[in-house]
Amino acid sequence: MAKLLKRLRIGPYELCMLAVVVVATIARLVLISYNWPVTNSDEGNMGLLAMHVAYRGELPIFFYGLPYMGPLEGYIAAPLFHLLGPSLFSLRVGLLPLFALFLISMYYLTRLLYTQKFALAIVVLLSLGSNLIIQQQLKAVGEYPEMELFGALIALLACWLALSSHTFSADATAQVKRRRAIFYGLLGLAVGVAVWVDFLILPVVATAGLLLVLFCRRELRIWAGLSLVSGIIIGAFPLILYNMSAPWGQDSLTTLYNLHRAEALPAVAQHLPFLRQVIGTILISLPLETGANPSCAIATFPLFGPPTSSALQCAVFESSWGIGFLILGMISAFLAVRVIGPTWRKSPARDWTFEERQTTIRQCARLTLLVTAGLTIVSYMLSPVSAIIPDITSRYLICLLIAVPAVLWPLWSGNSRLMALSGWREKALLVLKAGLLVLVATTFLLGTVRTFAGVAAAEAAYNQEGALVQDLLRVGATRIYSEYWTCNRLTFRSQEQIVCSALDEQLKPGFDRYLPYRSIVRAAAHPAYVFPLHSQQSLVVQRELLTKGHYRHYVFEGYDVYQSD
């Protein structure tokens, strides 16, 4: 066994890392076995897509209703539906390997750029997380678990290829060339699939590409570049295929542009200042997506509500977290540039020693993580949603997690020298750094504890949804109208025994991600209306049915149910 571990280069740190990954994955398995987090219609939509792949042989290129986002999670769930049956659990369990591979990729990325101890600490930290972070890792609504994994994997492969570029030469062995070609192909495949899943990965792709251009451009001109491009084409083939045949104005880029314009309309109508986008990004979205446990309503932040002393006190922690993240990122960037500068100015790259070259590449790789974070933050800040719903859309900053090692490195480096220092200023600085690390770790741990505290409520919500489905089937309400956040949940939970079409507050056609359902419900002679108790839609339905004659009214699990005779 010892020989096998040595051959695989698995030492004590790797064994500890694998133990942490196993424990963290089992913890998440426990959560989904109790149906945490509470599901929604977006996840129901993914479940329906997976059912159609598994049982109808359909091969959708995109997530229903979003012609720019690849439904990788649905394809992962489809074989699991055959094995375990279609359910919320079998939809989510396929996400666990993505999470485990994300942690493993982050370990090797951090070990490559920093130290083994720091890499293990990062894995321990990322095995924890706030309620929001863990929820994004376990809810099959598309893109977020994949973005974590592909972001870490793309950065890892690009950094390894750059740091091992010294092995490339004209007289390199065929084995070396073949191995590097394979890794370039794997990098291209990861990039292609990630871009198909969601364009949120583009900052990671851009910085990884820049790193390769800086240090591997000779390889990219020949077989390595061909292998990379081939991998990208294969991975992004569904996206390429769709856009080659898409009608004018329905291609992925035009769709994204139209969505961006639609998101901007409320901001324009309300005359929201750009400063609100900055505040929404740095003080609200950034803390939420990097592990701070939310404790304040949006209205407590400047420009989002009336200023009060209590609101200010509440928002201090989250605001400090976001500002602190940016400050640490800038310090880390300064440390990297300070090392790179003298070597870069001293002589041409061809005259660098091996040690100088490796140090420069490593520092540039660290910078790429920080630039990735910067591009992600700036692109989100320029979007109007950061001023309108920064809490809900904070998920667009998911790629920030791969920059956590670079951001925390200034706090970690030098702490082992505490007892060797004699000056009180140096000791005070290191104590402060250690204290901040403890604060971050404690915050992540508290977030995990709070997550497990919400299991009972999630299980109760799941059982209530099941009871609603059974009640509807009992009264024969199998073709129904409801609001968006109810429809796909019920259709998936009933395995399409109930088919639902969405209506807005004026009972006009709403957002039906899968349009055949709308036709099926319209064709029904007497569809039922199922809306949350006392909702606007429920009141409108009641008024309309009163004018048309007799109808039956039920109250099931917090819903008004209307059936016309």
Protein backbone atom coordinates (compact mmCIF):
# COMPACT_ATOMS: atom_id res chain seq x y z
CA MET A 1 0.00 0.00 0.00
CA ALA A 2 2.82 2.37 0.90
CA LYS A 3 4.46 1.74 -2.47
CA LEU A 4 1.20 2.48 -4.29
CA LEU A 5 0.72 5.75 -2.38
CA LYS A 6 4.30 6.74 -3.12
CA ARG A 7 3.89 5.93 -6.80
CA LEU A 8 0.72 8.03 -6.94
CA ARG A 9 2.53 10.79 -5.02
CA ILE A 10 -0.03 10.68 -2.22
CA GLY A 11 1.57 11.84 1.01
CA PRO A 12 0.19 12.79 4.44
CA TYR A 13 -1.25 16.09 3.18
CA GLU A 14 -3.03 14.39 0.28
CA LEU A 15 -4.48 11.76 2.62
CA CYS A 16 -5.76 14.49 4.93
CA MET A 17 -7.19 16.35 1.94
CA LEU A 18 -9.01 13.24 0.72
CA ALA A 19 -10.40 12.65 4.21
CA VAL A 20 -11.75 16.21 4.31
CA VAL A 21 -13.29 15.79 0.84
CA VAL A 22 -14.98 12.53 1.86
CA VAL A 23 -16.40 14.01 5.08
CA ALA A 24 -17.62 17.17 3.32
CA THR A 25 -19.24 15.13 0.54
CA ILE A 26 -20.96 12.81 3.04
CA ALA A 27 -22.24 15.86 4.94
CA ARG A 28 -23.82 17.16 1.75
CA LEU A 29 -25.23 13.71 1.02
CA VAL A 30 -26.96 13.86 4.40
CA LEU A 31 -28.40 17.28 3.55
CA ILE A 32 -29.92 16.20 0.24
CA SER A 33 -31.25 12.98 1.78
CA TYR A 34 -33.37 15.25 4.01
CA ASN A 35 -34.37 17.33 0.96
CA TRP A 36 -32.33 20.38 1.90
CA PRO A 37 -32.33 22.98 0.40
CA VAL A 38 -35.98 23.73 -0.31
CA THR A 39 -36.57 23.20 -4.02
CA ASN A 40 -38.07 25.66 -6.50
CA SER A 41 -39.46 25.69 -10.03
CA ASP A 42 -36.06 26.27 -11.64
CA GLU A 43 -34.90 23.00 -10.11
CA GLY A 44 -38.16 21.34 -11.09
CA ASN A 45 -37.44 22.47 -14.65
CA MET A 46 -34.06 20.72 -14.56
CA GLY A 47 -35.72 17.60 -13.18
CA LEU A 48 -38.25 17.59 -16.02
CA LEU A 49 -35.47 18.01 -18.56
CA ALA A 50 -33.63 15.05 -17.03
CA MET A 51 -36.83 12.96 -17.23
CA HIS A 52 -37.23 13.81 -20.90
CA VAL A 53 -33.61 12.82 -21.57
CA ALA A 54 -33.96 9.59 -19.59
CA TYR A 55 -37.36 8.37 -20.76
CA ARG A 56 -38.05 10.11 -24.08
CA GLY A 57 -34.59 10.16 -25.57
CA GLU A 58 -34.67 13.95 -25.97
CA LEU A 59 -31.34 15.75 -26.35
CA PRO A 60 -31.96 19.41 -25.46
CA ILE A 61 -29.05 21.74 -26.13
CA PHE A 62 -30.14 24.30 -23.55
CA PHE A 63 -31.92 24.54 -20.23
CA TYR A 64 -35.62 24.96 -21.04
CA GLY A 65 -36.39 28.66 -21.51
CA LEU A 66 -32.76 29.83 -21.52
CA PRO A 67 -31.17 29.43 -24.97
CA TYR A 68 -27.64 30.11 -23.75
CA MET A 69 -27.17 27.78 -20.75
CA GLY A 70 -26.21 24.13 -21.24
CA PRO A 71 -28.18 21.65 -19.07
CA LEU A 72 -25.22 19.49 -18.02
CA GLU A 73 -26.90 18.72 -14.69
CA GLY A 74 -29.89 17.23 -16.50
CA TYR A 75 -27.66 14.90 -18.50
CA ILE A 76 -25.86 13.83 -15.32
CA ALA A 77 -29.19 13.10 -13.61
CA ALA A 78 -30.74 11.14 -16.52
CA PRO A 79 -28.88 7.83 -15.93
CA LEU A 80 -29.39 8.23 -12.18
CA PHE A 81 -33.14 8.41 -12.79
CA HIS A 82 -32.93 4.98 -14.41
CA LEU A 83 -30.95 3.69 -11.46
CA LEU A 84 -32.73 5.38 -8.53
CA GLY A 85 -35.99 6.57 -10.06
CA PRO A 86 -36.91 10.21 -10.76
CA SER A 87 -36.83 12.19 -7.52
CA LEU A 88 -35.36 15.31 -6.00
CA PHE A 89 -32.64 13.21 -4.35
CA SER A 90 -31.58 11.47 -7.57
CA LEU A 91 -31.55 14.85 -9.34
CA ARG A 92 -29.15 16.27 -6.77
CA VAL A 93 -26.91 13.33 -5.95
CA GLY A 94 -25.08 13.70 -9.27
CA LEU A 95 -23.83 17.11 -8.13
CA LEU A 96 -21.79 15.60 -5.28
CA PRO A 97 -18.93 14.37 -7.54
CA LEU A 98 -18.71 17.88 -9.02
CA PHE A 99 -18.27 19.30 -5.51
CA ALA A 100 -15.67 16.67 -4.55
CA LEU A 101 -13.68 17.31 -7.74
CA PHE A 102 -13.87 21.06 -7.07
CA LEU A 103 -12.22 20.60 -3.66
CA ILE A 104 -9.55 18.30 -5.12
CA SER A 105 -8.82 20.77 -7.93
CA MET A 106 -8.57 23.63 -5.44
CA TYR A 107 -6.10 21.62 -3.35
CA TYR A 108 -3.77 20.96 -6.27
CA LEU A 109 -4.13 24.51 -7.60
CA THR A 110 -3.25 26.00 -4.22
CA ARG A 111 -0.40 23.53 -3.68
CA LEU A 112 0.98 24.39 -7.11
CA LEU A 113 0.97 28.14 -6.47
CA TYR A 114 1.53 28.33 -2.71
CA THR A 115 2.26 25.59 -0.12
CA GLN A 116 0.89 22.20 0.92
CA LYS A 117 -0.22 23.41 4.35
CA PHE A 118 -2.07 26.35 2.85
CA ALA A 119 -3.66 24.08 0.24
CA LEU A 120 -4.99 21.78 2.97
CA ALA A 121 -6.30 24.78 4.93
CA ILE A 122 -8.12 26.06 1.82
CA VAL A 123 -9.79 22.68 1.30
CA VAL A 124 -10.92 22.62 4.94
CA LEU A 125 -12.33 26.14 4.55
CA LEU A 126 -14.12 25.42 1.27
CA SER A 127 -15.53 22.19 2.69
CA LEU A 128 -17.55 24.50 4.93
CA GLY A 129 -19.53 27.51 3.78
CA SER A 130 -22.49 29.77 4.28
CA ASN A 131 -26.05 28.64 3.69
CA LEU A 132 -25.99 30.29 0.26
CA ILE A 133 -22.72 28.67 -0.87
CA ILE A 134 -23.78 25.17 0.16
CA GLN A 135 -27.20 25.71 -1.38
CA GLN A 136 -25.63 26.60 -4.73
CA GLN A 137 -23.53 23.44 -4.57
CA LEU A 138 -26.55 21.19 -4.00
CA LYS A 139 -29.47 22.73 -5.90
CA ALA A 140 -29.77 21.55 -9.51
CA VAL A 141 -30.79 24.85 -11.08
CA GLY A 142 -27.99 24.84 -13.63
CA GLU A 143 -24.44 26.22 -13.86
CA TYR A 144 -23.27 26.85 -10.27
CA PRO A 145 -21.68 23.51 -9.24
CA GLU A 146 -20.21 23.26 -12.73
CA MET A 147 -18.80 26.79 -12.63
CA GLU A 148 -16.97 26.03 -9.37
CA LEU A 149 -15.44 22.85 -10.77
CA PHE A 150 -14.59 24.12 -14.25
CA GLY A 151 -13.22 27.39 -12.88
CA ALA A 152 -10.82 25.55 -10.57
CA LEU A 153 -9.94 22.92 -13.19
CA ILE A 154 -9.23 25.45 -15.97
CA ALA A 155 -7.03 27.51 -13.64
CA LEU A 156 -5.20 24.37 -12.44
CA LEU A 157 -4.49 23.04 -15.94
CA ALA A 158 -3.38 26.43 -17.28
CA CYS A 159 -1.06 27.03 -14.31
CA TRP A 160 0.43 23.53 -14.55
CA LEU A 161 1.04 23.87 -18.28
CA ALA A 162 2.73 27.23 -17.76
CA LEU A 163 4.91 26.02 -14.88
CA SER A 164 5.93 22.89 -16.79
CA SER A 165 6.57 24.73 -20.06
CA HIS A 166 10.32 24.27 -19.56
CA THR A 167 9.85 20.60 -20.53
CA PHE A 168 8.87 21.70 -24.04
CA SER A 169 11.70 21.99 -26.52
CA ALA A 170 12.51 20.97 -30.07
CA ASP A 171 14.22 17.81 -28.83
CA ALA A 172 11.54 16.86 -26.29
CA THR A 173 10.65 13.18 -26.30
CA ALA A 174 7.52 11.95 -28.03
CA GLN A 175 6.15 10.91 -24.63
CA VAL A 176 6.48 14.46 -23.25
CA LYS A 177 4.86 15.96 -26.35
CA ARG A 178 2.02 13.45 -26.24
CA ARG A 179 1.36 14.03 -22.56
CA ARG A 180 1.29 17.79 -22.94
CA ALA A 181 -0.98 17.51 -25.98
CA ILE A 182 -3.40 15.46 -23.88
CA PHE A 183 -3.44 18.07 -21.13
CA TYR A 184 -3.98 20.87 -23.65
CA GLY A 185 -6.88 18.87 -25.05
CA LEU A 186 -8.33 18.38 -21.55
CA LEU A 187 -8.02 22.10 -20.91
CA GLY A 188 -9.80 22.86 -24.18
CA LEU A 189 -12.53 20.35 -23.37
CA ALA A 190 -13.08 21.92 -19.94
CA VAL A 191 -13.23 25.39 -21.50
CA GLY A 192 -15.67 24.27 -24.20
CA VAL A 193 -18.07 22.51 -21.84
CA ALA A 194 -17.89 25.38 -19.33
CA VAL A 195 -18.71 27.99 -22.00
CA TRP A 196 -21.64 25.84 -23.16
CA VAL A 197 -22.93 25.63 -19.58
CA ASP A 198 -22.69 29.38 -18.94
CA PHE A 199 -20.75 32.43 -20.06
CA LEU A 200 -20.01 33.26 -16.40
CA ILE A 201 -16.80 31.27 -16.91
CA LEU A 202 -15.38 33.76 -19.44
CA PRO A 203 -13.20 35.73 -16.95
CA VAL A 204 -11.51 32.45 -15.95
CA VAL A 205 -11.03 31.49 -19.60
CA ALA A 206 -9.59 34.91 -20.46
CA THR A 207 -6.98 34.91 -17.69
CA ALA A 208 -6.03 31.28 -18.31
CA GLY A 209 -5.56 32.09 -21.99
CA LEU A 210 -3.41 35.10 -21.14
CA LEU A 211 -1.17 32.96 -18.95
CA LEU A 212 -0.68 30.45 -21.77
CA VAL A 213 0.05 33.19 -24.30
CA LEU A 214 2.70 34.68 -22.00
CA PHE A 215 4.57 31.47 -21.26
CA CYS A 216 3.48 28.76 -23.72
CA ARG A 217 3.04 30.61 -26.99
CA ARG A 218 5.67 28.54 -28.82
CA GLU A 219 3.67 25.40 -28.08
CA LEU A 220 0.40 27.05 -29.03
CA ARG A 221 1.68 27.68 -32.56
CA ILE A 222 1.93 23.97 -33.28
CA TRP A 223 0.36 20.72 -32.02
CA ALA A 224 -0.51 22.03 -28.55
CA GLY A 225 -2.63 24.82 -30.00
CA LEU A 226 -4.39 22.37 -32.30
CA SER A 227 -5.12 20.07 -29.36
CA LEU A 228 -6.45 23.00 -27.32
CA VAL A 229 -8.73 24.26 -30.09
CA SER A 230 -9.97 20.73 -30.83
CA GLY A 231 -10.91 20.29 -27.18
CA ILE A 232 -12.79 23.60 -27.15
CA ILE A 233 -14.74 22.68 -30.28
CA ILE A 234 -15.68 19.26 -28.91
CA GLY A 235 -16.73 20.66 -25.53
CA ALA A 236 -18.72 23.56 -26.95
CA PHE A 237 -20.12 21.58 -29.89
CA PRO A 238 -23.79 21.80 -28.76
CA LEU A 239 -23.45 25.58 -28.42
CA ILE A 240 -21.70 25.89 -31.79
CA LEU A 241 -24.25 23.64 -33.49
CA TYR A 242 -27.18 25.69 -32.20
CA ASN A 243 -25.72 29.06 -33.16
CA MET A 244 -24.83 27.87 -36.66
CA SER A 245 -28.50 27.15 -37.35
CA ALA A 246 -30.26 29.61 -35.03
CA PRO A 247 -32.67 32.09 -36.67
CA TRP A 248 -31.50 35.69 -36.86
CA GLY A 249 -31.88 37.35 -33.47
CA GLN A 250 -32.24 34.07 -31.56
CA ASP A 251 -28.56 33.22 -31.22
CA SER A 252 -27.04 32.97 -27.74
CA LEU A 253 -25.24 36.33 -27.77
CA THR A 254 -28.34 38.22 -28.95
CA THR A 255 -30.41 36.48 -26.29
CA LEU A 256 -27.94 37.51 -23.59
CA TYR A 257 -27.89 41.08 -24.91
CA ASN A 258 -31.68 41.26 -24.86
CA LEU A 259 -31.76 39.91 -21.32
CA HIS A 260 -29.23 42.53 -20.26
CA ARG A 261 -31.35 45.28 -21.83
CA ALA A 262 -34.48 43.96 -20.10
CA GLU A 263 -32.66 43.91 -16.76
CA ALA A 264 -31.59 47.52 -17.30
CA LEU A 265 -35.14 48.84 -17.77
CA PRO A 266 -36.10 48.94 -14.05
CA ALA A 267 -32.86 50.75 -13.20
CA VAL A 268 -33.48 53.32 -15.93
CA ALA A 269 -37.13 53.74 -14.94
CA GLN A 270 -36.21 54.29 -11.28
CA HIS A 271 -33.26 56.57 -12.16
CA LEU A 272 -30.96 54.52 -9.94
CA PRO A 273 -27.45 56.00 -9.59
CA PHE A 274 -24.37 54.00 -10.55
CA LEU A 275 -23.19 54.32 -6.95
CA ARG A 276 -26.01 51.99 -5.99
CA GLN A 277 -24.56 49.36 -8.34
CA VAL A 278 -21.19 49.76 -6.63
CA ILE A 279 -22.74 49.43 -3.17
CA GLY A 280 -24.89 46.49 -4.22
CA THR A 281 -21.83 44.70 -5.59
CA ILE A 282 -19.25 45.36 -2.87
CA LEU A 283 -21.38 45.57 0.26
CA ILE A 284 -24.11 43.01 -0.53
CA SER A 285 -23.35 40.56 -3.35
CA LEU A 286 -19.62 40.13 -2.75
CA PRO A 287 -19.98 39.16 0.95
CA LEU A 288 -22.87 36.82 0.17
CA GLU A 289 -20.93 34.93 -2.50
CA THR A 290 -17.68 34.65 -0.54
CA GLY A 291 -19.01 33.14 2.67
CA ALA A 292 -20.39 35.91 4.87
CA ASN A 293 -23.58 34.79 6.59
CA PRO A 294 -26.34 37.25 5.61
CA SER A 295 -27.95 38.94 8.59
CA CYS A 296 -29.27 42.20 7.16
CA ALA A 297 -32.13 43.10 4.88
CA ILE A 298 -31.16 44.97 1.71
CA ALA A 299 -32.95 48.07 3.00
CA THR A 300 -30.31 48.45 5.73
CA PHE A 301 -27.59 49.36 3.22
CA PRO A 302 -26.89 52.90 1.94
CA LEU A 303 -29.08 53.95 -1.03
CA PHE A 304 -31.21 50.81 -0.61
CA GLY A 305 -33.31 52.16 2.25
CA PRO A 306 -33.70 55.04 4.71
CA PRO A 307 -30.54 55.61 6.79
CA THR A 308 -30.95 54.68 10.47
CA SER A 309 -28.45 53.97 13.24
CA SER A 310 -29.72 50.40 13.73
CA ALA A 311 -29.50 49.71 10.00
CA LEU A 312 -25.93 51.01 9.92
CA GLN A 313 -24.88 48.74 12.79
CA CYS A 314 -26.43 45.73 11.09
CA ALA A 315 -24.69 46.33 7.79
CA VAL A 316 -21.21 46.94 9.24
CA PHE A 317 -20.09 43.29 9.24
CA GLU A 318 -21.15 42.47 5.69
CA SER A 319 -19.79 45.78 4.39
CA SER A 320 -16.46 45.17 6.14
CA TRP A 321 -16.30 41.68 4.64
CA GLY A 322 -16.71 42.97 1.08
CA ILE A 323 -14.27 45.85 1.52
CA GLY A 324 -11.81 43.54 3.28
CA PHE A 325 -11.95 41.08 0.38
CA LEU A 326 -10.98 43.85 -2.04
CA ILE A 327 -8.19 45.18 0.21
CA LEU A 328 -6.68 41.72 0.68
CA GLY A 329 -6.91 41.14 -3.07
CA MET A 330 -5.03 44.37 -3.76
CA ILE A 331 -2.36 43.51 -1.17
CA SER A 332 -1.92 40.08 -2.72
CA ALA A 333 -1.62 41.64 -6.19
CA PHE A 334 0.98 44.12 -4.90
CA LEU A 335 3.04 41.30 -3.37
CA ALA A 336 3.01 39.41 -6.67
CA VAL A 337 3.91 42.46 -8.78
CA ARG A 338 6.73 43.35 -6.38
CA VAL A 339 8.33 39.96 -7.06
CA ILE A 340 7.68 39.98 -10.82
CA GLY A 341 8.83 43.55 -11.51
CA PRO A 342 12.61 43.30 -10.99
CA THR A 343 12.93 40.05 -12.97
CA TRP A 344 10.77 41.32 -15.83
CA ARG A 345 12.76 44.56 -16.13
CA LYS A 346 16.19 43.04 -15.61
CA SER A 347 16.55 41.03 -18.79
CA PRO A 348 14.64 39.34 -21.63
CA ALA A 349 12.76 36.19 -20.70
CA ARG A 350 15.20 34.01 -22.62
CA ASP A 351 17.99 35.09 -20.23
CA TRP A 352 16.13 34.18 -17.04
CA THR A 353 17.48 31.40 -14.89
CA PHE A 354 15.23 28.41 -14.25
CA GLU A 355 14.45 29.67 -10.74
CA GLU A 356 13.63 33.17 -12.00
CA ARG A 357 11.36 31.78 -14.69
CA GLN A 358 9.46 29.50 -12.31
CA THR A 359 9.06 32.25 -9.73
CA THR A 360 7.80 34.69 -12.35
CA ILE A 361 5.32 32.19 -13.78
CA ARG A 362 4.06 31.30 -10.30
CA GLN A 363 3.54 34.94 -9.37
CA CYS A 364 1.81 35.64 -12.69
CA ALA A 365 -0.44 32.64 -12.08
CA ARG A 366 -1.37 34.08 -8.69
CA LEU A 367 -2.16 37.35 -10.42
CA THR A 368 -4.45 35.58 -12.89
CA LEU A 369 -6.62 34.38 -9.99
CA LEU A 370 -6.90 37.95 -8.74
CA VAL A 371 -7.56 39.35 -12.22
CA THR A 372 -10.27 36.71 -12.66
CA ALA A 373 -11.90 37.97 -9.46
CA GLY A 374 -11.55 41.57 -10.62
CA LEU A 375 -13.11 40.91 -14.02
CA THR A 376 -15.96 38.98 -12.40
CA ILE A 377 -16.68 41.79 -9.95
CA VAL A 378 -16.46 44.57 -12.54
CA SER A 379 -18.68 42.79 -15.07
CA TYR A 380 -21.29 42.22 -12.37
CA MET A 381 -21.01 45.79 -11.10
CA LEU A 382 -21.73 47.12 -14.60
CA SER A 383 -24.93 45.08 -14.73
CA PRO A 384 -28.09 46.87 -13.52
CA VAL A 385 -29.15 43.84 -11.46
CA SER A 386 -26.46 44.75 -8.92
CA ALA A 387 -28.54 47.83 -8.08
CA ILE A 388 -31.95 46.13 -8.18
CA ILE A 389 -31.66 42.63 -6.68
CA PRO A 390 -28.06 42.23 -5.48
CA ASP A 391 -29.01 39.50 -3.01
CA ILE A 392 -30.72 37.23 -5.54
CA THR A 393 -28.17 37.79 -8.32
CA SER A 394 -25.08 37.46 -6.12
CA ARG A 395 -24.80 33.95 -7.60
CA TYR A 396 -23.31 35.52 -10.73
CA LEU A 397 -20.13 35.98 -8.66
CA ILE A 398 -19.73 32.21 -8.17
CA CYS A 399 -16.27 32.19 -9.81
CA LEU A 400 -14.86 34.29 -6.96
CA LEU A 401 -14.37 31.14 -4.91
CA ILE A 402 -11.38 30.07 -6.99
CA ALA A 403 -9.63 33.33 -6.01
CA VAL A 404 -9.99 32.64 -2.27
CA PRO A 405 -6.41 31.24 -1.94
CA ALA A 406 -4.93 34.34 -3.58
CA VAL A 407 -7.02 36.66 -1.40
CA LEU A 408 -6.21 34.88 1.88
CA TRP A 409 -2.51 34.35 1.16
CA PRO A 410 -1.41 37.69 2.72
CA LEU A 411 -3.07 36.59 5.97
CA TRP A 412 -1.48 33.13 5.91
CA SER A 413 2.09 33.91 4.86
CA GLY A 414 4.51 34.54 7.73
CA ASN A 415 2.30 33.26 10.55
CA SER A 416 4.71 30.39 11.26
CA ARG A 417 7.40 32.96 12.21
CA LEU A 418 5.43 34.46 15.11
CA MET A 419 7.60 33.05 17.92
CA ALA A 420 10.84 33.93 16.10
CA LEU A 421 10.02 37.64 15.84
CA SER A 422 11.30 40.08 18.42
CA GLY A 423 9.62 43.35 17.43
CA TRP A 424 6.19 44.04 18.93
CA ARG A 425 4.92 45.61 15.71
CA GLU A 426 5.71 42.48 13.71
CA LYS A 427 4.10 40.28 16.36
CA ALA A 428 1.01 42.50 16.51
CA LEU A 429 0.66 42.34 12.74
CA LEU A 430 0.89 38.56 12.72
CA VAL A 431 -1.60 38.29 15.58
CA LEU A 432 -3.99 40.49 13.59
CA LYS A 433 -3.54 38.30 10.50
CA ALA A 434 -4.12 35.13 12.50
CA GLY A 435 -7.19 36.69 14.10
CA LEU A 436 -8.66 37.54 10.71
CA LEU A 437 -8.07 33.98 9.52
CA VAL A 438 -9.86 32.66 12.60
CA LEU A 439 -12.73 35.08 11.91
CA VAL A 440 -13.08 33.82 8.33
CA ALA A 441 -12.93 30.17 9.40
CA THR A 442 -15.44 30.75 12.21
CA THR A 443 -17.83 32.49 9.82
CA PHE A 444 -17.69 29.57 7.40
CA LEU A 445 -18.20 27.09 10.25
CA LEU A 446 -21.20 29.01 11.61
CA GLY A 447 -22.68 29.05 8.12
CA THR A 448 -22.43 25.27 7.96
CA VAL A 449 -24.02 24.88 11.40
CA ARG A 450 -26.89 27.17 10.38
CA THR A 451 -27.36 25.11 7.23
CA PHE A 452 -27.88 21.90 9.19
CA ALA A 453 -30.23 23.75 11.53
CA GLY A 454 -32.53 24.35 8.55
CA VAL A 455 -32.93 20.66 7.66
CA ALA A 456 -36.19 20.18 9.58
CA ALA A 457 -37.87 23.12 7.83
CA ALA A 458 -36.75 21.84 4.41
CA GLU A 459 -38.09 18.36 5.13
CA ALA A 460 -41.41 19.86 6.26
CA ALA A 461 -41.66 21.91 3.04
CA TYR A 462 -40.92 18.81 0.96
CA ASN A 463 -43.63 16.80 2.74
CA GLN A 464 -46.10 19.67 2.34
CA GLU A 465 -45.42 19.74 -1.40
CA GLY A 466 -46.00 15.99 -1.59
CA ALA A 467 -49.30 16.35 0.26
CA LEU A 468 -50.39 19.09 -2.17
CA VAL A 469 -49.65 16.81 -5.14
CA GLN A 470 -51.68 13.98 -3.61
CA ASP A 471 -54.60 16.31 -2.84
CA LEU A 472 -54.66 17.59 -6.42
CA LEU A 473 -54.57 14.08 -7.85
CA ARG A 474 -57.36 13.03 -5.48
CA VAL A 475 -59.74 15.71 -6.82
CA GLY A 476 -58.69 15.10 -10.42
CA ALA A 477 -56.81 18.38 -10.87
CA THR A 478 -54.23 17.09 -13.35
CA ARG A 479 -54.27 20.07 -15.74
CA ILE A 480 -53.73 23.26 -13.80
CA TYR A 481 -52.76 26.90 -14.01
CA SER A 482 -50.54 28.39 -11.31
CA GLU A 483 -47.77 30.92 -10.83
CA TYR A 484 -44.24 30.28 -12.04
CA TRP A 485 -42.66 29.31 -8.72
CA THR A 486 -45.25 26.55 -8.24
CA CYS A 487 -45.69 25.08 -11.71
CA ASN A 488 -42.57 23.08 -12.46
CA ARG A 489 -42.25 21.91 -8.86
CA LEU A 490 -45.62 20.19 -9.00
CA THR A 491 -45.13 18.82 -12.50
CA PHE A 492 -41.79 17.26 -11.57
CA ARG A 493 -42.93 16.00 -8.16
CA SER A 494 -45.94 14.29 -9.77
CA GLN A 495 -43.75 12.95 -12.60
CA GLU A 496 -45.97 14.80 -15.09
CA GLN A 497 -49.22 13.34 -13.77
CA ILE A 498 -49.99 17.01 -13.12
CA VAL A 499 -49.20 19.37 -15.99
CA CYS A 500 -49.03 23.06 -15.14
CA SER A 501 -48.90 26.30 -17.13
CA ALA A 502 -47.87 29.61 -15.56
CA LEU A 503 -50.02 32.75 -15.34
CA ASP A 504 -49.01 36.23 -14.21
CA GLU A 505 -50.93 38.40 -11.73
CA GLN A 506 -53.42 39.45 -14.43
CA LEU A 507 -53.94 35.79 -15.43
CA LYS A 508 -52.09 36.38 -18.70
CA PRO A 509 -49.70 33.68 -19.97
CA GLY A 510 -46.64 33.67 -17.75
CA PHE A 511 -43.15 32.23 -18.10
CA ASP A 512 -43.53 28.65 -19.32
CA ARG A 513 -40.04 27.24 -19.78
CA TYR A 514 -41.40 24.15 -21.56
CA LEU A 515 -44.03 25.45 -24.00
CA PRO A 516 -45.72 22.08 -24.74
CA TYR A 517 -47.16 22.23 -21.22
CA ARG A 518 -49.03 25.42 -22.12
CA SER A 519 -50.69 23.70 -25.08
CA ILE A 520 -51.63 20.67 -22.98
CA VAL A 521 -53.32 22.77 -20.29
CA ARG A 522 -55.10 24.97 -22.85
CA ALA A 523 -56.55 21.84 -24.45
CA ALA A 524 -58.10 20.71 -21.15
CA ALA A 525 -61.87 21.20 -20.86
CA HIS A 526 -61.82 22.30 -17.23
CA PRO A 527 -58.34 23.14 -15.98
CA ALA A 528 -57.97 23.89 -12.28
CA TYR A 529 -56.47 27.08 -10.87
CA VAL A 530 -53.95 26.59 -8.06
CA PHE A 531 -52.52 29.69 -6.42
CA PRO A 532 -51.04 30.56 -3.01
CA LEU A 533 -53.68 31.52 -0.45
CA HIS A 534 -54.95 35.10 -0.77
CA SER A 535 -52.59 35.85 -3.67
CA GLN A 536 -53.50 38.39 -6.34
CA GLN A 537 -54.11 35.60 -8.86
CA SER A 538 -56.38 33.76 -6.44
CA LEU A 539 -58.59 36.81 -5.93
CA VAL A 540 -58.83 37.46 -9.69
CA VAL A 541 -59.74 33.82 -10.40
CA GLN A 542 -62.44 33.87 -7.74
CA ARG A 543 -64.04 37.00 -9.24
CA GLU A 544 -63.99 35.56 -12.76
CA LEU A 545 -65.42 32.19 -11.75
CA LEU A 546 -68.25 33.87 -9.83
CA THR A 547 -69.46 35.40 -13.10
CA LYS A 548 -69.28 32.10 -14.99
CA GLY A 549 -71.33 29.85 -12.73
CA HIS A 550 -70.62 27.10 -10.25
CA TYR A 551 -67.15 26.11 -9.17
CA ARG A 552 -65.53 24.12 -6.40
CA HIS A 553 -63.06 25.67 -4.01
CA TYR A 554 -60.53 23.75 -1.93
CA VAL A 555 -57.76 24.85 0.39
CA PHE A 556 -54.77 22.49 0.22
CA GLU A 557 -51.45 23.05 1.97
CA GLY A 558 -51.48 26.84 1.72
CA TYR A 559 -53.04 26.97 -1.75
CA ASP A 560 -56.44 28.00 -3.08
CA VAL A 561 -57.65 25.44 -5.62
CA TYR A 562 -60.53 26.33 -7.96
CA GLN A 563 -62.28 23.87 -10.27
CA SER A 564 -65.12 24.92 -12.56
CA ASP A 565 -68.02 22.49 -13.07
